[in-house]
Amino acid sequence: MKLGIALAGGGVRGIAHAGVLKALEENNIDIDIIGGTSSGSMVATLYALGYTPYYIYVLFKNYAKDLLTVDTMPIINTIREFYDKQEIASLWF
């Protein structure tokens, strides 16, 4: 049987997911696929890249203030522009 988990958002509270991942590892429960939204997506990405739950915790602890002040509008606008171009292109094919 395969196990997939989805991690929720929640800002800095998303660090709680590192504790869940640690508990799963301690109980020898292997995760086959992981995903998330918002802060959960950051934890999921780091975990999928091979970072340990402890190191994910350390990263959040050290950089939480920096992460909260990032202006995400340029990123969102770039994604929106890409999507709009893809939608227009799909009308031609």
PDB file of N, CA and C in Angstrom:
ATOM      1  N   MET A   1       0.832  -1.173   0.000  1.00  0.00           N
ATOM      2  CA  MET A   1       0.000   0.000   0.000  1.00  0.00           C
ATOM      3  C   MET A   1       0.885   1.247   0.000  1.00  0.00           C
ATOM      4  N   LYS A   2       0.473   2.252  -0.752  1.00  0.00           N
ATOM      5  CA  LYS A   2       1.221   3.503  -0.816  1.00  0.00           C
ATOM      6  C   LYS A   2       0.546   4.549   0.057  1.00  0.00           C
ATOM      7  N   LEU A   3       1.370   5.460   0.583  1.00  0.00           N
ATOM      8  CA  LEU A   3       0.859   6.506   1.460  1.00  0.00           C
ATOM      9  C   LEU A   3       1.205   7.867   0.886  1.00  0.00           C
ATOM     10  N   GLY A   4       0.201   8.698   0.748  1.00  0.00           N
ATOM     11  CA  GLY A   4       0.393  10.082   0.339  1.00  0.00           C
ATOM     12  C   GLY A   4      -0.159  10.995   1.404  1.00  0.00           C
ATOM     13  N   ILE A   5       0.509  12.117   1.624  1.00  0.00           N
ATOM     14  CA  ILE A   5      -0.005  13.070   2.609  1.00  0.00           C
ATOM     15  C   ILE A   5      -0.051  14.455   1.986  1.00  0.00           C
ATOM     16  N   ALA A   6      -1.024  15.238   2.442  1.00  0.00           N
ATOM     17  CA  ALA A   6      -1.190  16.623   2.008  1.00  0.00           C
ATOM     18  C   ALA A   6      -1.052  17.510   3.233  1.00  0.00           C
ATOM     19  N   LEU A   7      -0.172  18.491   3.130  1.00  0.00           N
ATOM     20  CA  LEU A   7       0.087  19.391   4.248  1.00  0.00           C
ATOM     21  C   LEU A   7      -0.652  20.711   4.023  1.00  0.00           C
ATOM     22  N   ALA A   8      -1.311  21.197   5.045  1.00  0.00           N
ATOM     23  CA  ALA A   8      -2.090  22.426   4.958  1.00  0.00           C
ATOM     24  C   ALA A   8      -1.210  23.654   5.124  1.00  0.00           C
ATOM     25  N   GLY A   9      -1.790  24.790   4.854  1.00  0.00           N
ATOM     26  CA  GLY A   9      -1.111  26.062   5.079  1.00  0.00           C
ATOM     27  C   GLY A   9      -1.233  26.466   6.543  1.00  0.00           C
ATOM     28  N   GLY A  10      -0.941  27.705   6.805  1.00  0.00           N
ATOM     29  CA  GLY A  10      -1.061  28.183   8.182  1.00  0.00           C
ATOM     30  C   GLY A  10       0.055  29.109   8.595  1.00  0.00           C
ATOM     31  N   GLY A  11       0.769  29.653   7.609  1.00  0.00           N
ATOM     32  CA  GLY A  11       1.852  30.569   7.947  1.00  0.00           C
ATOM     33  C   GLY A  11       2.945  29.873   8.728  1.00  0.00           C
ATOM     34  N   VAL A  12       3.437  30.531   9.745  1.00  0.00           N
ATOM     35  CA  VAL A  12       4.524  29.987  10.549  1.00  0.00           C
ATOM     36  C   VAL A  12       4.087  28.718  11.273  1.00  0.00           C
ATOM     37  N   ARG A  13       2.779  28.578  11.515  1.00  0.00           N
ATOM     38  CA  ARG A  13       2.284  27.360  12.168  1.00  0.00           C
ATOM     39  C   ARG A  13       2.521  26.125  11.301  1.00  0.00           C
ATOM     40  N   GLY A  14       2.827  26.322  10.025  1.00  0.00           N
ATOM     41  CA  GLY A  14       3.117  25.202   9.136  1.00  0.00           C
ATOM     42  C   GLY A  14       4.311  24.383   9.593  1.00  0.00           C
ATOM     43  N   ILE A  15       5.096  24.928  10.489  1.00  0.00           N
ATOM     44  CA  ILE A  15       6.249  24.197  11.008  1.00  0.00           C
ATOM     45  C   ILE A  15       5.801  22.961  11.777  1.00  0.00           C
ATOM     46  N   ALA A  16       4.561  22.932  12.223  1.00  0.00           N
ATOM     47  CA  ALA A  16       4.044  21.754  12.928  1.00  0.00           C
ATOM     48  C   ALA A  16       4.138  20.511  12.048  1.00  0.00           C
ATOM     49  N   HIS A  17       4.121  20.699  10.739  1.00  0.00           N
ATOM     50  CA  HIS A  17       4.233  19.556   9.827  1.00  0.00           C
ATOM     51  C   HIS A  17       5.569  18.838   9.984  1.00  0.00           C
ATOM     52  N   ALA A  18       6.605  19.568  10.359  1.00  0.00           N
ATOM     53  CA  ALA A  18       7.909  18.924  10.565  1.00  0.00           C
ATOM     54  C   ALA A  18       7.813  17.912  11.701  1.00  0.00           C
ATOM     55  N   GLY A  19       7.042  18.231  12.723  1.00  0.00           N
ATOM     56  CA  GLY A  19       6.846  17.294  13.827  1.00  0.00           C
ATOM     57  C   GLY A  19       6.090  16.052  13.399  1.00  0.00           C
ATOM     58  N   VAL A  20       5.109  16.229  12.531  1.00  0.00           N
ATOM     59  CA  VAL A  20       4.359  15.081  12.004  1.00  0.00           C
ATOM     60  C   VAL A  20       5.286  14.193  11.184  1.00  0.00           C
ATOM     61  N   LEU A  21       6.092  14.806  10.327  1.00  0.00           N
ATOM     62  CA  LEU A  21       7.028  14.031   9.498  1.00  0.00           C
ATOM     63  C   LEU A  21       8.025  13.271  10.371  1.00  0.00           C
ATOM     64  N   LYS A  22       8.477  13.922  11.437  1.00  0.00           N
ATOM     65  CA  LYS A  22       9.407  13.269  12.355  1.00  0.00           C
ATOM     66  C   LYS A  22       8.744  12.057  13.020  1.00  0.00           C
ATOM     67  N   ALA A  23       7.501  12.217  13.452  1.00  0.00           N
ATOM     68  CA  ALA A  23       6.782  11.112  14.087  1.00  0.00           C
ATOM     69  C   ALA A  23       6.578   9.956  13.112  1.00  0.00           C
ATOM     70  N   LEU A  24       6.269  10.266  11.867  1.00  0.00           N
ATOM     71  CA  LEU A  24       6.107   9.215  10.862  1.00  0.00           C
ATOM     72  C   LEU A  24       7.419   8.454  10.666  1.00  0.00           C
ATOM     73  N   GLU A  25       8.526   9.201  10.565  1.00  0.00           N
ATOM     74  CA  GLU A  25       9.836   8.555  10.401  1.00  0.00           C
ATOM     75  C   GLU A  25      10.166   7.670  11.603  1.00  0.00           C
ATOM     76  N   GLU A  26       9.916   8.172  12.812  1.00  0.00           N
ATOM     77  CA  GLU A  26      10.232   7.418  14.025  1.00  0.00           C
ATOM     78  C   GLU A  26       9.438   6.117  14.111  1.00  0.00           C
ATOM     79  N   ASN A  27       8.278   6.084  13.465  1.00  0.00           N
ATOM     80  CA  ASN A  27       7.440   4.891  13.465  1.00  0.00           C
ATOM     81  C   ASN A  27       7.582   4.082  12.172  1.00  0.00           C
ATOM     82  N   ASN A  28       8.654   4.373  11.435  1.00  0.00           N
ATOM     83  CA  ASN A  28       8.961   3.653  10.189  1.00  0.00           C
ATOM     84  C   ASN A  28       7.810   3.648   9.195  1.00  0.00           C
ATOM     85  N   ILE A  29       7.120   4.768   9.101  1.00  0.00           N
ATOM     86  CA  ILE A  29       6.043   4.925   8.129  1.00  0.00           C
ATOM     87  C   ILE A  29       6.602   5.718   6.953  1.00  0.00           C
ATOM     88  N   ASP A  30       6.720   5.051   5.821  1.00  0.00           N
ATOM     89  CA  ASP A  30       7.284   5.676   4.623  1.00  0.00           C
ATOM     90  C   ASP A  30       6.209   6.427   3.850  1.00  0.00           C
ATOM     91  N   ILE A  31       6.562   7.601   3.399  1.00  0.00           N
ATOM     92  CA  ILE A  31       5.663   8.428   2.599  1.00  0.00           C
ATOM     93  C   ILE A  31       6.063   8.254   1.137  1.00  0.00           C
ATOM     94  N   ASP A  32       5.093   7.926   0.300  1.00  0.00           N
ATOM     95  CA  ASP A  32       5.370   7.735  -1.119  1.00  0.00           C
ATOM     96  C   ASP A  32       5.190   9.013  -1.929  1.00  0.00           C
ATOM     97  N   ILE A  33       4.266   9.855  -1.505  1.00  0.00           N
ATOM     98  CA  ILE A  33       4.033  11.116  -2.203  1.00  0.00           C
ATOM     99  C   ILE A  33       3.606  12.161  -1.177  1.00  0.00           C
ATOM    100  N   ILE A  34       4.065  13.392  -1.388  1.00  0.00           N
ATOM    101  CA  ILE A  34       3.774  14.462  -0.441  1.00  0.00           C
ATOM    102  C   ILE A  34       3.479  15.734  -1.212  1.00  0.00           C
ATOM    103  N   GLY A  35       2.547  16.500  -0.718  1.00  0.00           N
ATOM    104  CA  GLY A  35       2.197  17.773  -1.327  1.00  0.00           C
ATOM    105  C   GLY A  35       1.648  18.692  -0.259  1.00  0.00           C
ATOM    106  N   GLY A  36       1.389  19.907  -0.641  1.00  0.00           N
ATOM    107  CA  GLY A  36       0.855  20.836   0.338  1.00  0.00           C
ATOM    108  C   GLY A  36       0.458  22.149  -0.280  1.00  0.00           C
ATOM    109  N   THR A  37      -0.080  23.001   0.547  1.00  0.00           N
ATOM    110  CA  THR A  37      -0.471  24.329   0.123  1.00  0.00           C
ATOM    111  C   THR A  37       0.157  25.351   1.066  1.00  0.00           C
ATOM    112  N   SER A  38       0.534  26.478   0.514  1.00  0.00           N
ATOM    113  CA  SER A  38       1.110  27.572   1.282  1.00  0.00           C
ATOM    114  C   SER A  38       2.332  27.090   2.072  1.00  0.00           C
ATOM    115  N   SER A  39       2.355  27.301   3.387  1.00  0.00           N
ATOM    116  CA  SER A  39       3.539  26.872   4.147  1.00  0.00           C
ATOM    117  C   SER A  39       3.707  25.357   4.104  1.00  0.00           C
ATOM    118  N   GLY A  40       2.615  24.637   3.966  1.00  0.00           N
ATOM    119  CA  GLY A  40       2.694  23.185   3.818  1.00  0.00           C
ATOM    120  C   GLY A  40       3.417  22.777   2.552  1.00  0.00           C
ATOM    121  N   SER A  41       3.280  23.599   1.507  1.00  0.00           N
ATOM    122  CA  SER A  41       3.995  23.285   0.258  1.00  0.00           C
ATOM    123  C   SER A  41       5.499  23.489   0.424  1.00  0.00           C
ATOM    124  N   MET A  42       5.882  24.451   1.271  1.00  0.00           N
ATOM    125  CA  MET A  42       7.310  24.645   1.513  1.00  0.00           C
ATOM    126  C   MET A  42       7.886  23.455   2.272  1.00  0.00           C
ATOM    127  N   VAL A  43       7.167  22.992   3.281  1.00  0.00           N
ATOM    128  CA  VAL A  43       7.620  21.837   4.054  1.00  0.00           C
ATOM    129  C   VAL A  43       7.658  20.602   3.149  1.00  0.00           C
ATOM    130  N   ALA A  44       6.601  20.406   2.365  1.00  0.00           N
ATOM    131  CA  ALA A  44       6.537  19.243   1.471  1.00  0.00           C
ATOM    132  C   ALA A  44       7.681  19.253   0.459  1.00  0.00           C
ATOM    133  N   THR A  45       7.974  20.407  -0.101  1.00  0.00           N
ATOM    134  CA  THR A  45       9.057  20.510  -1.080  1.00  0.00           C
ATOM    135  C   THR A  45      10.400  20.190  -0.442  1.00  0.00           C
ATOM    136  N   LEU A  46      10.666  20.770   0.714  1.00  0.00           N
ATOM    137  CA  LEU A  46      11.930  20.506   1.392  1.00  0.00           C
ATOM    138  C   LEU A  46      12.068  19.025   1.736  1.00  0.00           C
ATOM    139  N   TYR A  47      10.985  18.422   2.204  1.00  0.00           N
ATOM    140  CA  TYR A  47      11.021  17.004   2.562  1.00  0.00           C
ATOM    141  C   TYR A  47      11.244  16.143   1.321  1.00  0.00           C
ATOM    142  N   ALA A  48      10.551  16.486   0.238  1.00  0.00           N
ATOM    143  CA  ALA A  48      10.713  15.730  -1.012  1.00  0.00           C
ATOM    144  C   ALA A  48      12.130  15.857  -1.561  1.00  0.00           C
ATOM    145  N   LEU A  49      12.783  16.972  -1.263  1.00  0.00           N
ATOM    146  CA  LEU A  49      14.167  17.172  -1.701  1.00  0.00           C
ATOM    147  C   LEU A  49      15.176  16.459  -0.812  1.00  0.00           C
ATOM    148  N   GLY A  50      14.695  15.869   0.286  1.00  0.00           N
ATOM    149  CA  GLY A  50      15.583  15.089   1.147  1.00  0.00           C
ATOM    150  C   GLY A  50      15.976  15.732   2.460  1.00  0.00           C
ATOM    151  N   TYR A  51      15.421  16.907   2.750  1.00  0.00           N
ATOM    152  CA  TYR A  51      15.736  17.546   4.022  1.00  0.00           C
ATOM    153  C   TYR A  51      15.061  16.775   5.158  1.00  0.00           C
ATOM    154  N   THR A  52      15.725  16.666   6.283  1.00  0.00           N
ATOM    155  CA  THR A  52      15.154  15.977   7.444  1.00  0.00           C
ATOM    156  C   THR A  52      14.137  16.896   8.130  1.00  0.00           C
ATOM    157  N   PRO A  53      13.196  16.310   8.857  1.00  0.00           N
ATOM    158  CA  PRO A  53      12.246  17.144   9.599  1.00  0.00           C
ATOM    159  C   PRO A  53      12.936  18.128  10.545  1.00  0.00           C
ATOM    160  N   TYR A  54      14.012  17.692  11.182  1.00  0.00           N
ATOM    161  CA  TYR A  54      14.730  18.597  12.086  1.00  0.00           C
ATOM    162  C   TYR A  54      15.314  19.791  11.327  1.00  0.00           C
ATOM    163  N   TYR A  55      15.920  19.535  10.167  1.00  0.00           N
ATOM    164  CA  TYR A  55      16.516  20.631   9.398  1.00  0.00           C
ATOM    165  C   TYR A  55      15.436  21.566   8.869  1.00  0.00           C
ATOM    166  N   ILE A  56      14.274  21.019   8.503  1.00  0.00           N
ATOM    167  CA  ILE A  56      13.155  21.858   8.067  1.00  0.00           C
ATOM    168  C   ILE A  56      12.739  22.780   9.216  1.00  0.00           C
ATOM    169  N   TYR A  57      12.683  22.226  10.415  1.00  0.00           N
ATOM    170  CA  TYR A  57      12.361  23.020  11.602  1.00  0.00           C
ATOM    171  C   TYR A  57      13.374  24.159  11.786  1.00  0.00           C
ATOM    172  N   VAL A  58      14.657  23.820  11.669  1.00  0.00           N
ATOM    173  CA  VAL A  58      15.708  24.829  11.839  1.00  0.00           C
ATOM    174  C   VAL A  58      15.572  25.931  10.786  1.00  0.00           C
ATOM    175  N   LEU A  59      15.313  25.556   9.543  1.00  0.00           N
ATOM    176  CA  LEU A  59      15.143  26.553   8.485  1.00  0.00           C
ATOM    177  C   LEU A  59      13.976  27.486   8.791  1.00  0.00           C
ATOM    178  N   PHE A  60      12.845  26.916   9.189  1.00  0.00           N
ATOM    179  CA  PHE A  60      11.685  27.748   9.522  1.00  0.00           C
ATOM    180  C   PHE A  60      12.001  28.659  10.692  1.00  0.00           C
ATOM    181  N   LYS A  61      12.647  28.113  11.702  1.00  0.00           N
ATOM    182  CA  LYS A  61      12.957  28.908  12.894  1.00  0.00           C
ATOM    183  C   LYS A  61      13.874  30.080  12.541  1.00  0.00           C
ATOM    184  N   ASN A  62      14.876  29.825  11.705  1.00  0.00           N
ATOM    185  CA  ASN A  62      15.844  30.864  11.365  1.00  0.00           C
ATOM    186  C   ASN A  62      15.322  31.879  10.359  1.00  0.00           C
ATOM    187  N   TYR A  63      14.413  31.452   9.482  1.00  0.00           N
ATOM    188  CA  TYR A  63      14.014  32.328   8.383  1.00  0.00           C
ATOM    189  C   TYR A  63      12.537  32.707   8.392  1.00  0.00           C
ATOM    190  N   ALA A  64      11.809  32.403   9.450  1.00  0.00           N
ATOM    191  CA  ALA A  64      10.372  32.688   9.495  1.00  0.00           C
ATOM    192  C   ALA A  64      10.081  34.172   9.275  1.00  0.00           C
ATOM    193  N   LYS A  65      10.823  35.041   9.920  1.00  0.00           N
ATOM    194  CA  LYS A  65      10.581  36.478   9.761  1.00  0.00           C
ATOM    195  C   LYS A  65      10.818  36.923   8.329  1.00  0.00           C
ATOM    196  N   ASP A  66      11.855  36.397   7.696  1.00  0.00           N
ATOM    197  CA  ASP A  66      12.134  36.739   6.306  1.00  0.00           C
ATOM    198  C   ASP A  66      11.031  36.226   5.376  1.00  0.00           C
ATOM    199  N   LEU A  67      10.549  35.018   5.633  1.00  0.00           N
ATOM    200  CA  LEU A  67       9.505  34.438   4.794  1.00  0.00           C
ATOM    201  C   LEU A  67       8.209  35.229   4.885  1.00  0.00           C
ATOM    202  N   LEU A  68       7.916  35.766   6.046  1.00  0.00           N
ATOM    203  CA  LEU A  68       6.675  36.504   6.234  1.00  0.00           C
ATOM    204  C   LEU A  68       6.688  37.864   5.549  1.00  0.00           C
ATOM    205  N   THR A  69       7.858  38.377   5.236  1.00  0.00           N
ATOM    206  CA  THR A  69       7.933  39.709   4.633  1.00  0.00           C
ATOM    207  C   THR A  69       8.165  39.669   3.129  1.00  0.00           C
ATOM    208  N   VAL A  70       8.175  38.495   2.532  1.00  0.00           N
ATOM    209  CA  VAL A  70       8.387  38.382   1.088  1.00  0.00           C
ATOM    210  C   VAL A  70       7.163  38.907   0.355  1.00  0.00           C
ATOM    211  N   ASP A  71       7.399  39.764  -0.632  1.00  0.00           N
ATOM    212  CA  ASP A  71       6.319  40.276  -1.476  1.00  0.00           C
ATOM    213  C   ASP A  71       6.017  39.229  -2.545  1.00  0.00           C
ATOM    214  N   THR A  72       4.905  38.551  -2.419  1.00  0.00           N
ATOM    215  CA  THR A  72       4.572  37.451  -3.337  1.00  0.00           C
ATOM    216  C   THR A  72       3.836  37.910  -4.584  1.00  0.00           C
ATOM    217  N   MET A  73       3.429  39.160  -4.654  1.00  0.00           N
ATOM    218  CA  MET A  73       2.662  39.619  -5.819  1.00  0.00           C
ATOM    219  C   MET A  73       3.423  39.450  -7.137  1.00  0.00           C
ATOM    220  N   PRO A  74       4.728  39.752  -7.222  1.00  0.00           N
ATOM    221  CA  PRO A  74       5.419  39.514  -8.496  1.00  0.00           C
ATOM    222  C   PRO A  74       5.379  38.044  -8.914  1.00  0.00           C
ATOM    223  N   ILE A  75       5.476  37.142  -7.967  1.00  0.00           N
ATOM    224  CA  ILE A  75       5.425  35.714  -8.268  1.00  0.00           C
ATOM    225  C   ILE A  75       4.035  35.346  -8.778  1.00  0.00           C
ATOM    226  N   ILE A  76       3.016  35.815  -8.082  1.00  0.00           N
ATOM    227  CA  ILE A  76       1.637  35.517  -8.470  1.00  0.00           C
ATOM    228  C   ILE A  76       1.338  36.089  -9.851  1.00  0.00           C
ATOM    229  N   ASN A  77       1.786  37.314 -10.113  1.00  0.00           N
ATOM    230  CA  ASN A  77       1.547  37.929 -11.413  1.00  0.00           C
ATOM    231  C   ASN A  77       2.233  37.162 -12.535  1.00  0.00           C
ATOM    232  N   THR A  78       3.441  36.662 -12.293  1.00  0.00           N
ATOM    233  CA  THR A  78       4.158  35.884 -13.296  1.00  0.00           C
ATOM    234  C   THR A  78       3.418  34.596 -13.600  1.00  0.00           C
ATOM    235  N   ILE A  79       2.926  33.929 -12.572  1.00  0.00           N
ATOM    236  CA  ILE A  79       2.161  32.702 -12.772  1.00  0.00           C
ATOM    237  C   ILE A  79       0.881  33.005 -13.533  1.00  0.00           C
ATOM    238  N   ARG A  80       0.218  34.085 -13.170  1.00  0.00           N
ATOM    239  CA  ARG A  80      -1.023  34.468 -13.855  1.00  0.00           C
ATOM    240  C   ARG A  80      -0.754  34.749 -15.337  1.00  0.00           C
ATOM    241  N   GLU A  81       0.318  35.473 -15.644  1.00  0.00           N
ATOM    242  CA  GLU A  81       0.662  35.764 -17.038  1.00  0.00           C
ATOM    243  C   GLU A  81       0.957  34.482 -17.810  1.00  0.00           C
ATOM    244  N   PHE A  82       1.682  33.566 -17.182  1.00  0.00           N
ATOM    245  CA  PHE A  82       1.984  32.290 -17.826  1.00  0.00           C
ATOM    246  C   PHE A  82       0.702  31.528 -18.113  1.00  0.00           C
ATOM    247  N   TYR A  83      -0.194  31.479 -17.134  1.00  0.00           N
ATOM    248  CA  TYR A  83      -1.459  30.769 -17.309  1.00  0.00           C
ATOM    249  C   TYR A  83      -2.276  31.402 -18.432  1.00  0.00           C
ATOM    250  N   ASP A  84      -2.339  32.735 -18.455  1.00  0.00           N
ATOM    251  CA  ASP A  84      -3.095  33.419 -19.509  1.00  0.00           C
ATOM    252  C   ASP A  84      -2.551  33.085 -20.887  1.00  0.00           C
ATOM    253  N   LYS A  85      -1.236  33.042 -21.024  1.00  0.00           N
ATOM    254  CA  LYS A  85      -0.630  32.699 -22.313  1.00  0.00           C
ATOM    255  C   LYS A  85      -0.954  31.257 -22.695  1.00  0.00           C
ATOM    256  N   GLN A  86      -0.938  30.349 -21.718  1.00  0.00           N
ATOM    257  CA  GLN A  86      -1.257  28.948 -21.991  1.00  0.00           C
ATOM    258  C   GLN A  86      -2.704  28.789 -22.417  1.00  0.00           C
ATOM    259  N   GLU A  87      -3.600  29.551 -21.783  1.00  0.00           N
ATOM    260  CA  GLU A  87      -5.010  29.463 -22.116  1.00  0.00           C
ATOM    261  C   GLU A  87      -5.249  29.961 -23.525  1.00  0.00           C
ATOM    262  N   ILE A  88      -4.597  31.049 -23.897  1.00  0.00           N
ATOM    263  CA  ILE A  88      -4.745  31.589 -25.249  1.00  0.00           C
ATOM    264  C   ILE A  88      -4.174  30.602 -26.265  1.00  0.00           C
ATOM    265  N   ALA A  89      -3.022  30.024 -25.946  1.00  0.00           N
ATOM    266  CA  ALA A  89      -2.408  29.066 -26.852  1.00  0.00           C
ATOM    267  C   ALA A  89      -3.292  27.836 -27.039  1.00  0.00           C
ATOM    268  N   SER A  90      -3.997  27.427 -25.985  1.00  0.00           N
ATOM    269  CA  SER A  90      -4.832  26.223 -26.096  1.00  0.00           C
ATOM    270  C   SER A  90      -6.036  26.472 -27.002  1.00  0.00           C
ATOM    271  N   LEU A  91      -6.419  27.714 -27.184  1.00  0.00           N
ATOM    272  CA  LEU A  91      -7.530  28.002 -28.091  1.00  0.00           C
ATOM    273  C   LEU A  91      -7.156  27.746 -29.552  1.00  0.00           C
ATOM    274  N   TRP A  92      -5.865  27.795 -29.846  1.00  0.00           N
ATOM    275  CA  TRP A  92      -5.408  27.620 -31.226  1.00  0.00           C
ATOM    276  C   TRP A  92      -5.193  26.171 -31.588  1.00  0.00           C
ATOM    277  N   PHE A  93      -5.112  25.280 -30.618  1.00  0.00           N
ATOM    278  CA  PHE A  93      -4.792  23.880 -30.913  1.00  0.00           C
ATOM    279  C   PHE A  93      -5.941  22.965 -30.624  1.00  0.00           C
TER     280      PHE A  93
END
